[in-house]
Amino acid sequence: MFYIAPIPTDLDGDGNEDQGLICAIEDQGPVPWYNGSNLTTGVTDTAIDKGANNTSIIIDIQGEIQTDYAAGLARAYRGGGYTDWFLPSKDELNEMYDSKSILEANSEFTEIGNSYWSSSEYDKYKAWSIFYSSSNHYSKNFSLQVRLIRAF
């Protein structure tokens, strides 16, 4: 489940620190998925808990952090003073969209839009995105929004 900071450390009251995902309160972009080079990054993992690793691999392969492509923008983002934001995997992005009504109930949260990049690559030329609540793959040169997340 997604949350908006600040997050209590024990959400279920069992005395243990919980883990989850936090969604940025606003969109970033629009930007293309890649930095201008169609390179295979191999970040085909779509599972929850894979977005941070996918983002790091994309940056390693695409080159220095730049804010003109999705993963670079994620790494450069400093929302709430945090430096550990990343581009969500396909499944994390779908989970965020499924939590849309909960997230948007917070008055500080800007409405979730219709199209976002994930960190999950489809092939050399395409990456997974969400578009009007369904998962699709689009050319990496399309400019889409990104909604960044972080784990706690």
N, C-alpha and C. Protein backbone atom coordinates (compact mmCIF):
# COMPACT_ATOMS: atom_id res chain seq x y z
N MET A 1 0.84 -1.18 0.00
CA MET A 1 0.00 0.00 0.00
C MET A 1 0.88 1.24 0.00
N PHE A 2 0.38 2.27 -0.61
CA PHE A 2 1.09 3.54 -0.67
C PHE A 2 0.61 4.49 0.42
N TYR A 3 1.52 5.32 0.87
CA TYR A 3 1.24 6.32 1.89
C TYR A 3 1.83 7.64 1.45
N ILE A 4 1.45 8.69 2.17
CA ILE A 4 2.03 10.01 2.00
C ILE A 4 2.66 10.36 3.33
N ALA A 5 3.89 10.88 3.31
CA ALA A 5 4.59 11.23 4.55
C ALA A 5 3.81 12.32 5.29
N PRO A 6 3.91 12.43 6.63
CA PRO A 6 4.73 11.57 7.50
C PRO A 6 4.03 10.25 7.78
N ILE A 7 4.83 9.22 7.94
CA ILE A 7 4.33 7.87 8.15
C ILE A 7 4.67 7.43 9.57
N PRO A 8 3.68 6.92 10.31
CA PRO A 8 4.02 6.33 11.61
C PRO A 8 4.85 5.09 11.38
N THR A 9 5.74 4.77 12.30
CA THR A 9 6.62 3.62 12.10
C THR A 9 5.94 2.30 12.41
N ASP A 10 4.81 2.31 13.14
CA ASP A 10 4.11 1.07 13.47
C ASP A 10 2.65 1.21 13.07
N LEU A 11 2.37 0.96 11.78
CA LEU A 11 1.03 1.17 11.25
C LEU A 11 0.00 0.16 11.76
N ASP A 12 0.43 -1.06 12.02
CA ASP A 12 -0.53 -2.09 12.44
C ASP A 12 -0.57 -2.31 13.94
N GLY A 13 0.23 -1.56 14.72
CA GLY A 13 0.20 -1.62 16.17
C GLY A 13 0.79 -2.88 16.77
N ASP A 14 1.62 -3.60 16.00
CA ASP A 14 2.19 -4.84 16.53
C ASP A 14 3.54 -4.63 17.23
N GLY A 15 3.97 -3.38 17.35
CA GLY A 15 5.23 -3.08 18.02
C GLY A 15 6.45 -3.18 17.11
N ASN A 16 6.26 -3.57 15.87
CA ASN A 16 7.36 -3.66 14.91
C ASN A 16 7.27 -2.53 13.90
N GLU A 17 8.44 -2.07 13.45
CA GLU A 17 8.47 -1.03 12.43
C GLU A 17 7.99 -1.62 11.11
N ASP A 18 7.04 -0.96 10.47
CA ASP A 18 6.46 -1.46 9.23
C ASP A 18 7.23 -0.94 8.02
N GLN A 19 6.95 -1.56 6.87
CA GLN A 19 7.56 -1.14 5.61
C GLN A 19 6.45 -0.86 4.61
N GLY A 20 6.73 0.02 3.68
CA GLY A 20 5.75 0.35 2.65
C GLY A 20 6.36 1.29 1.63
N LEU A 21 5.51 1.88 0.83
CA LEU A 21 5.93 2.79 -0.22
C LEU A 21 5.28 4.15 -0.01
N ILE A 22 6.04 5.17 -0.29
CA ILE A 22 5.56 6.54 -0.18
C ILE A 22 5.57 7.15 -1.57
N CYS A 23 4.51 7.82 -1.91
CA CYS A 23 4.33 8.43 -3.21
C CYS A 23 4.59 9.94 -3.11
N ALA A 24 5.33 10.47 -4.07
CA ALA A 24 5.53 11.92 -4.13
C ALA A 24 4.17 12.60 -4.28
N ILE A 25 4.04 13.81 -3.76
CA ILE A 25 2.74 14.48 -3.78
C ILE A 25 2.43 15.15 -5.12
N GLU A 26 3.41 15.17 -6.03
CA GLU A 26 3.19 15.84 -7.31
C GLU A 26 3.93 15.13 -8.43
N ASP A 27 3.48 15.35 -9.65
CA ASP A 27 4.13 14.79 -10.83
C ASP A 27 5.43 15.53 -11.12
N GLN A 28 6.30 14.85 -11.82
CA GLN A 28 7.49 15.44 -12.40
C GLN A 28 7.43 15.13 -13.90
N GLY A 29 8.03 15.98 -14.68
CA GLY A 29 8.02 15.74 -16.12
C GLY A 29 7.06 16.68 -16.82
N PRO A 30 6.70 16.36 -18.03
CA PRO A 30 6.94 15.12 -18.76
C PRO A 30 8.36 15.04 -19.31
N VAL A 31 8.86 13.81 -19.34
CA VAL A 31 10.19 13.51 -19.86
C VAL A 31 10.15 12.17 -20.59
N PRO A 32 11.10 11.93 -21.50
CA PRO A 32 11.20 10.61 -22.10
C PRO A 32 11.79 9.61 -21.11
N TRP A 33 11.63 8.33 -21.37
CA TRP A 33 12.17 7.28 -20.50
C TRP A 33 13.68 7.25 -20.59
N TYR A 34 14.22 7.47 -21.78
CA TYR A 34 15.67 7.34 -22.00
C TYR A 34 16.33 8.71 -22.18
N ASN A 35 17.66 8.70 -22.18
CA ASN A 35 18.39 9.96 -22.31
C ASN A 35 18.77 10.27 -23.75
N GLY A 36 18.11 9.63 -24.70
CA GLY A 36 18.38 9.88 -26.11
C GLY A 36 19.04 8.73 -26.82
N SER A 37 19.45 7.71 -26.08
CA SER A 37 20.10 6.54 -26.67
C SER A 37 19.27 5.29 -26.41
N ASN A 38 18.89 4.59 -27.46
CA ASN A 38 18.15 3.34 -27.30
C ASN A 38 19.13 2.23 -26.92
N LEU A 39 19.34 2.09 -25.63
CA LEU A 39 20.22 1.06 -25.10
C LEU A 39 19.38 0.07 -24.32
N THR A 40 19.68 -1.21 -24.43
CA THR A 40 19.01 -2.21 -23.62
C THR A 40 19.59 -2.14 -22.22
N THR A 41 18.75 -1.91 -21.23
CA THR A 41 19.23 -1.82 -19.85
C THR A 41 19.07 -3.13 -19.10
N GLY A 42 18.17 -4.00 -19.57
CA GLY A 42 17.93 -5.27 -18.90
C GLY A 42 17.08 -5.17 -17.65
N VAL A 43 16.44 -4.04 -17.41
CA VAL A 43 15.61 -3.87 -16.21
C VAL A 43 14.17 -4.31 -16.51
N THR A 44 14.02 -5.59 -16.80
CA THR A 44 12.70 -6.13 -17.15
C THR A 44 11.91 -6.56 -15.93
N ASP A 45 12.49 -6.48 -14.74
CA ASP A 45 11.78 -6.88 -13.53
C ASP A 45 10.65 -5.90 -13.25
N THR A 46 9.46 -6.43 -13.09
CA THR A 46 8.27 -5.59 -12.89
C THR A 46 7.75 -5.64 -11.46
N ALA A 47 8.36 -6.44 -10.59
CA ALA A 47 7.82 -6.71 -9.26
C ALA A 47 7.92 -5.52 -8.31
N ILE A 48 7.05 -5.55 -7.30
CA ILE A 48 7.14 -4.58 -6.20
C ILE A 48 8.47 -4.81 -5.50
N ASP A 49 9.11 -3.76 -5.08
CA ASP A 49 10.44 -3.74 -4.45
C ASP A 49 11.58 -3.79 -5.45
N LYS A 50 11.31 -3.61 -6.74
CA LYS A 50 12.37 -3.64 -7.75
C LYS A 50 12.64 -2.28 -8.37
N GLY A 51 11.78 -1.30 -8.13
CA GLY A 51 11.93 0.01 -8.76
C GLY A 51 13.23 0.71 -8.43
N ALA A 52 13.67 0.65 -7.18
CA ALA A 52 14.91 1.34 -6.78
C ALA A 52 16.10 0.74 -7.51
N ASN A 53 16.17 -0.59 -7.55
CA ASN A 53 17.27 -1.25 -8.25
C ASN A 53 17.20 -0.98 -9.75
N ASN A 54 16.00 -1.05 -10.33
CA ASN A 54 15.84 -0.73 -11.75
C ASN A 54 16.35 0.67 -12.06
N THR A 55 15.98 1.63 -11.22
CA THR A 55 16.39 3.02 -11.43
C THR A 55 17.91 3.14 -11.43
N SER A 56 18.57 2.49 -10.49
CA SER A 56 20.04 2.53 -10.42
C SER A 56 20.68 1.93 -11.67
N ILE A 57 20.14 0.82 -12.14
CA ILE A 57 20.69 0.17 -13.33
C ILE A 57 20.50 1.05 -14.56
N ILE A 58 19.32 1.64 -14.70
CA ILE A 58 19.06 2.54 -15.83
C ILE A 58 20.09 3.66 -15.84
N ILE A 59 20.33 4.28 -14.70
CA ILE A 59 21.29 5.38 -14.61
C ILE A 59 22.69 4.90 -14.94
N ASP A 60 23.07 3.72 -14.43
CA ASP A 60 24.40 3.18 -14.74
C ASP A 60 24.60 3.01 -16.24
N ILE A 61 23.56 2.59 -16.94
CA ILE A 61 23.68 2.33 -18.38
C ILE A 61 23.45 3.58 -19.21
N GLN A 62 22.51 4.42 -18.82
CA GLN A 62 22.18 5.61 -19.59
C GLN A 62 23.19 6.75 -19.37
N GLY A 63 23.98 6.68 -18.32
CA GLY A 63 24.98 7.72 -18.11
C GLY A 63 24.63 8.61 -16.94
N GLU A 64 25.34 9.70 -16.85
CA GLU A 64 25.21 10.59 -15.70
C GLU A 64 23.78 11.02 -15.46
N ILE A 65 23.51 11.36 -14.21
CA ILE A 65 22.17 11.78 -13.81
C ILE A 65 21.84 13.11 -14.48
N GLN A 66 20.76 13.08 -15.22
CA GLN A 66 20.25 14.28 -15.88
C GLN A 66 18.75 14.34 -15.60
N THR A 67 18.23 15.52 -15.55
CA THR A 67 16.80 15.64 -15.26
C THR A 67 15.95 15.65 -16.53
N ASP A 68 16.55 15.29 -17.68
CA ASP A 68 15.78 15.27 -18.91
C ASP A 68 15.38 13.86 -19.34
N TYR A 69 15.53 12.88 -18.44
CA TYR A 69 14.99 11.54 -18.67
C TYR A 69 14.51 10.99 -17.33
N ALA A 70 13.61 10.01 -17.37
CA ALA A 70 12.84 9.60 -16.19
C ALA A 70 13.68 9.15 -15.00
N ALA A 71 14.60 8.21 -15.19
CA ALA A 71 15.39 7.70 -14.05
C ALA A 71 16.31 8.78 -13.49
N GLY A 72 16.91 9.58 -14.36
CA GLY A 72 17.78 10.67 -13.90
C GLY A 72 17.01 11.70 -13.10
N LEU A 73 15.81 12.01 -13.55
CA LEU A 73 14.95 12.94 -12.83
C LEU A 73 14.61 12.39 -11.45
N ALA A 74 14.34 11.08 -11.39
CA ALA A 74 14.03 10.44 -10.10
C ALA A 74 15.20 10.58 -9.14
N ARG A 75 16.39 10.30 -9.60
CA ARG A 75 17.56 10.34 -8.72
C ARG A 75 17.88 11.77 -8.26
N ALA A 76 17.55 12.76 -9.08
CA ALA A 76 17.84 14.15 -8.74
C ALA A 76 16.76 14.78 -7.85
N TYR A 77 15.60 14.16 -7.75
CA TYR A 77 14.46 14.72 -7.01
C TYR A 77 14.77 14.77 -5.52
N ARG A 78 14.35 15.84 -4.85
CA ARG A 78 14.61 16.04 -3.43
C ARG A 78 13.35 16.38 -2.65
N GLY A 79 12.21 15.85 -3.06
CA GLY A 79 10.94 16.12 -2.41
C GLY A 79 10.96 15.75 -0.93
N GLY A 80 10.47 16.66 -0.09
CA GLY A 80 10.43 16.43 1.35
C GLY A 80 11.78 16.36 2.01
N GLY A 81 12.83 16.74 1.26
CA GLY A 81 14.19 16.68 1.78
C GLY A 81 14.83 15.30 1.67
N TYR A 82 14.14 14.34 1.05
CA TYR A 82 14.68 12.99 0.89
C TYR A 82 15.45 12.85 -0.42
N THR A 83 16.43 11.97 -0.42
CA THR A 83 17.27 11.77 -1.61
C THR A 83 17.15 10.36 -2.17
N ASP A 84 16.20 9.57 -1.68
CA ASP A 84 16.11 8.16 -2.09
C ASP A 84 14.88 7.86 -2.95
N TRP A 85 14.43 8.84 -3.72
CA TRP A 85 13.30 8.65 -4.61
C TRP A 85 13.71 7.81 -5.81
N PHE A 86 12.77 7.06 -6.37
CA PHE A 86 13.08 6.26 -7.55
C PHE A 86 11.85 6.14 -8.44
N LEU A 87 12.08 5.68 -9.65
CA LEU A 87 11.04 5.44 -10.63
C LEU A 87 10.40 4.10 -10.31
N PRO A 88 9.09 4.03 -10.12
CA PRO A 88 8.47 2.77 -9.72
C PRO A 88 8.56 1.70 -10.81
N SER A 89 8.64 0.44 -10.37
CA SER A 89 8.53 -0.67 -11.31
C SER A 89 7.10 -0.71 -11.86
N LYS A 90 6.87 -1.54 -12.85
CA LYS A 90 5.52 -1.66 -13.42
C LYS A 90 4.50 -2.03 -12.35
N ASP A 91 4.81 -3.01 -11.50
CA ASP A 91 3.85 -3.43 -10.46
C ASP A 91 3.69 -2.37 -9.38
N GLU A 92 4.75 -1.66 -9.04
CA GLU A 92 4.64 -0.56 -8.07
C GLU A 92 3.77 0.55 -8.63
N LEU A 93 3.93 0.84 -9.91
CA LEU A 93 3.12 1.87 -10.56
C LEU A 93 1.65 1.45 -10.58
N ASN A 94 1.38 0.19 -10.88
CA ASN A 94 -0.01 -0.29 -10.85
C ASN A 94 -0.58 -0.21 -9.44
N GLU A 95 0.22 -0.54 -8.43
CA GLU A 95 -0.24 -0.45 -7.03
C GLU A 95 -0.55 1.00 -6.67
N MET A 96 0.30 1.93 -7.14
CA MET A 96 0.06 3.35 -6.88
C MET A 96 -1.28 3.76 -7.50
N TYR A 97 -1.52 3.34 -8.72
CA TYR A 97 -2.77 3.70 -9.38
C TYR A 97 -3.96 3.08 -8.66
N ASP A 98 -3.80 1.85 -8.15
CA ASP A 98 -4.88 1.20 -7.39
C ASP A 98 -5.15 1.93 -6.08
N SER A 99 -4.16 2.64 -5.55
CA SER A 99 -4.31 3.40 -4.29
C SER A 99 -4.71 4.84 -4.54
N LYS A 100 -5.05 5.16 -5.77
CA LYS A 100 -5.34 6.54 -6.19
C LYS A 100 -6.33 7.25 -5.27
N SER A 101 -7.45 6.64 -4.95
CA SER A 101 -8.47 7.32 -4.15
C SER A 101 -7.97 7.59 -2.73
N ILE A 102 -7.19 6.70 -2.16
CA ILE A 102 -6.62 6.91 -0.83
C ILE A 102 -5.62 8.05 -0.85
N LEU A 103 -4.74 8.04 -1.85
CA LEU A 103 -3.72 9.08 -1.96
C LEU A 103 -4.35 10.45 -2.20
N GLU A 104 -5.32 10.51 -3.08
CA GLU A 104 -5.93 11.79 -3.43
C GLU A 104 -6.84 12.33 -2.34
N ALA A 105 -7.12 11.55 -1.31
CA ALA A 105 -7.91 12.03 -0.18
C ALA A 105 -7.12 13.03 0.66
N ASN A 106 -5.80 13.03 0.53
CA ASN A 106 -4.94 13.98 1.23
C ASN A 106 -4.95 15.29 0.46
N SER A 107 -5.28 16.38 1.12
CA SER A 107 -5.42 17.67 0.45
C SER A 107 -4.11 18.19 -0.14
N GLU A 108 -2.96 17.71 0.33
CA GLU A 108 -1.68 18.17 -0.21
C GLU A 108 -1.29 17.43 -1.48
N PHE A 109 -1.97 16.35 -1.77
CA PHE A 109 -1.63 15.47 -2.88
C PHE A 109 -2.27 15.97 -4.17
N THR A 110 -1.48 16.12 -5.24
CA THR A 110 -2.07 16.50 -6.52
C THR A 110 -2.59 15.26 -7.24
N GLU A 111 -3.66 15.43 -7.94
CA GLU A 111 -4.36 14.33 -8.59
C GLU A 111 -3.42 13.49 -9.46
N ILE A 112 -3.61 12.18 -9.39
CA ILE A 112 -2.85 11.28 -10.25
C ILE A 112 -3.41 11.39 -11.66
N GLY A 113 -2.52 11.61 -12.59
CA GLY A 113 -2.92 11.80 -13.99
C GLY A 113 -3.15 10.49 -14.72
N ASN A 114 -2.97 10.53 -16.02
CA ASN A 114 -3.34 9.40 -16.87
C ASN A 114 -2.18 8.62 -17.46
N SER A 115 -0.97 9.15 -17.45
CA SER A 115 0.12 8.42 -18.09
C SER A 115 1.43 8.67 -17.35
N TYR A 116 2.07 7.55 -16.96
CA TYR A 116 3.32 7.62 -16.20
C TYR A 116 4.29 6.54 -16.67
N TRP A 117 5.57 6.85 -16.62
CA TRP A 117 6.61 5.86 -16.88
C TRP A 117 6.85 5.00 -15.67
N SER A 118 7.17 3.73 -15.91
CA SER A 118 7.69 2.84 -14.87
C SER A 118 9.19 2.67 -15.13
N SER A 119 9.88 2.00 -14.23
CA SER A 119 11.30 1.71 -14.43
C SER A 119 11.50 0.37 -15.14
N SER A 120 10.42 -0.30 -15.49
CA SER A 120 10.50 -1.63 -16.11
C SER A 120 10.57 -1.51 -17.63
N GLU A 121 11.64 -2.04 -18.18
CA GLU A 121 11.85 -1.99 -19.62
C GLU A 121 11.08 -3.12 -20.31
N TYR A 122 10.55 -2.83 -21.48
CA TYR A 122 9.88 -3.86 -22.29
C TYR A 122 10.88 -4.49 -23.27
N ASP A 123 11.60 -3.64 -23.98
CA ASP A 123 12.66 -4.08 -24.88
C ASP A 123 13.57 -2.88 -25.15
N LYS A 124 14.46 -3.02 -26.10
CA LYS A 124 15.43 -1.96 -26.40
C LYS A 124 14.76 -0.62 -26.72
N TYR A 125 13.58 -0.66 -27.30
CA TYR A 125 12.93 0.56 -27.77
C TYR A 125 11.72 0.99 -26.96
N LYS A 126 11.24 0.13 -26.04
CA LYS A 126 10.01 0.44 -25.31
C LYS A 126 10.17 0.14 -23.82
N ALA A 127 9.36 0.84 -23.02
CA ALA A 127 9.32 0.61 -21.57
C ALA A 127 7.86 0.60 -21.14
N TRP A 128 7.59 -0.02 -19.99
CA TRP A 128 6.24 -0.12 -19.47
C TRP A 128 5.79 1.21 -18.89
N SER A 129 4.54 1.51 -19.09
CA SER A 129 3.93 2.71 -18.51
C SER A 129 2.51 2.35 -18.10
N ILE A 130 1.88 3.29 -17.45
CA ILE A 130 0.45 3.16 -17.19
C ILE A 130 -0.21 4.29 -17.96
N PHE A 131 -1.27 3.96 -18.65
CA PHE A 131 -1.98 4.93 -19.47
C PHE A 131 -3.47 4.71 -19.28
N TYR A 132 -4.13 5.65 -18.63
CA TYR A 132 -5.56 5.54 -18.33
C TYR A 132 -5.88 4.22 -17.64
N SER A 133 -5.12 3.91 -16.61
CA SER A 133 -5.30 2.77 -15.71
C SER A 133 -4.98 1.41 -16.31
N SER A 134 -4.45 1.34 -17.52
CA SER A 134 -4.03 0.05 -18.05
C SER A 134 -2.54 0.10 -18.36
N SER A 135 -1.87 -1.02 -18.19
CA SER A 135 -0.44 -1.09 -18.47
C SER A 135 -0.21 -1.26 -19.96
N ASN A 136 0.72 -0.52 -20.47
CA ASN A 136 1.10 -0.57 -21.88
C ASN A 136 2.60 -0.37 -21.98
N HIS A 137 3.15 -0.61 -23.14
CA HIS A 137 4.54 -0.27 -23.37
C HIS A 137 4.57 0.75 -24.51
N TYR A 138 5.41 1.74 -24.32
CA TYR A 138 5.52 2.83 -25.28
C TYR A 138 6.97 3.06 -25.64
N SER A 139 7.17 3.69 -26.77
CA SER A 139 8.51 4.04 -27.20
C SER A 139 9.18 4.90 -26.14
N LYS A 140 10.43 4.61 -25.86
CA LYS A 140 11.16 5.31 -24.81
C LYS A 140 11.34 6.80 -25.08
N ASN A 141 11.11 7.23 -26.33
CA ASN A 141 11.28 8.65 -26.63
C ASN A 141 10.02 9.47 -26.37
N PHE A 142 8.87 8.82 -26.06
CA PHE A 142 7.67 9.56 -25.69
C PHE A 142 7.93 10.31 -24.39
N SER A 143 7.35 11.46 -24.26
CA SER A 143 7.45 12.20 -23.00
C SER A 143 6.18 11.96 -22.19
N LEU A 144 6.35 11.31 -21.04
CA LEU A 144 5.26 11.05 -20.12
C LEU A 144 5.62 11.63 -18.75
N GLN A 145 4.64 11.74 -17.89
CA GLN A 145 4.87 12.17 -16.52
C GLN A 145 5.58 11.07 -15.74
N VAL A 146 6.20 11.42 -14.64
CA VAL A 146 6.69 10.45 -13.68
C VAL A 146 6.15 10.83 -12.32
N ARG A 147 5.75 9.83 -11.56
CA ARG A 147 5.33 10.03 -10.17
C ARG A 147 6.29 9.18 -9.37
N LEU A 148 7.17 9.82 -8.66
CA LEU A 148 8.26 9.14 -7.98
C LEU A 148 7.81 8.55 -6.65
N ILE A 149 8.52 7.52 -6.23
CA ILE A 149 8.20 6.86 -4.96
C ILE A 149 9.48 6.63 -4.18
N ARG A 150 9.32 6.29 -2.91
CA ARG A 150 10.43 5.87 -2.05
C ARG A 150 9.89 4.83 -1.09
N ALA A 151 10.78 4.02 -0.56
CA ALA A 151 10.38 2.97 0.36
C ALA A 151 10.70 3.41 1.79
N PHE A 152 9.94 2.87 2.76
CA PHE A 152 10.27 3.11 4.17
C PHE A 152 10.24 1.81 4.90
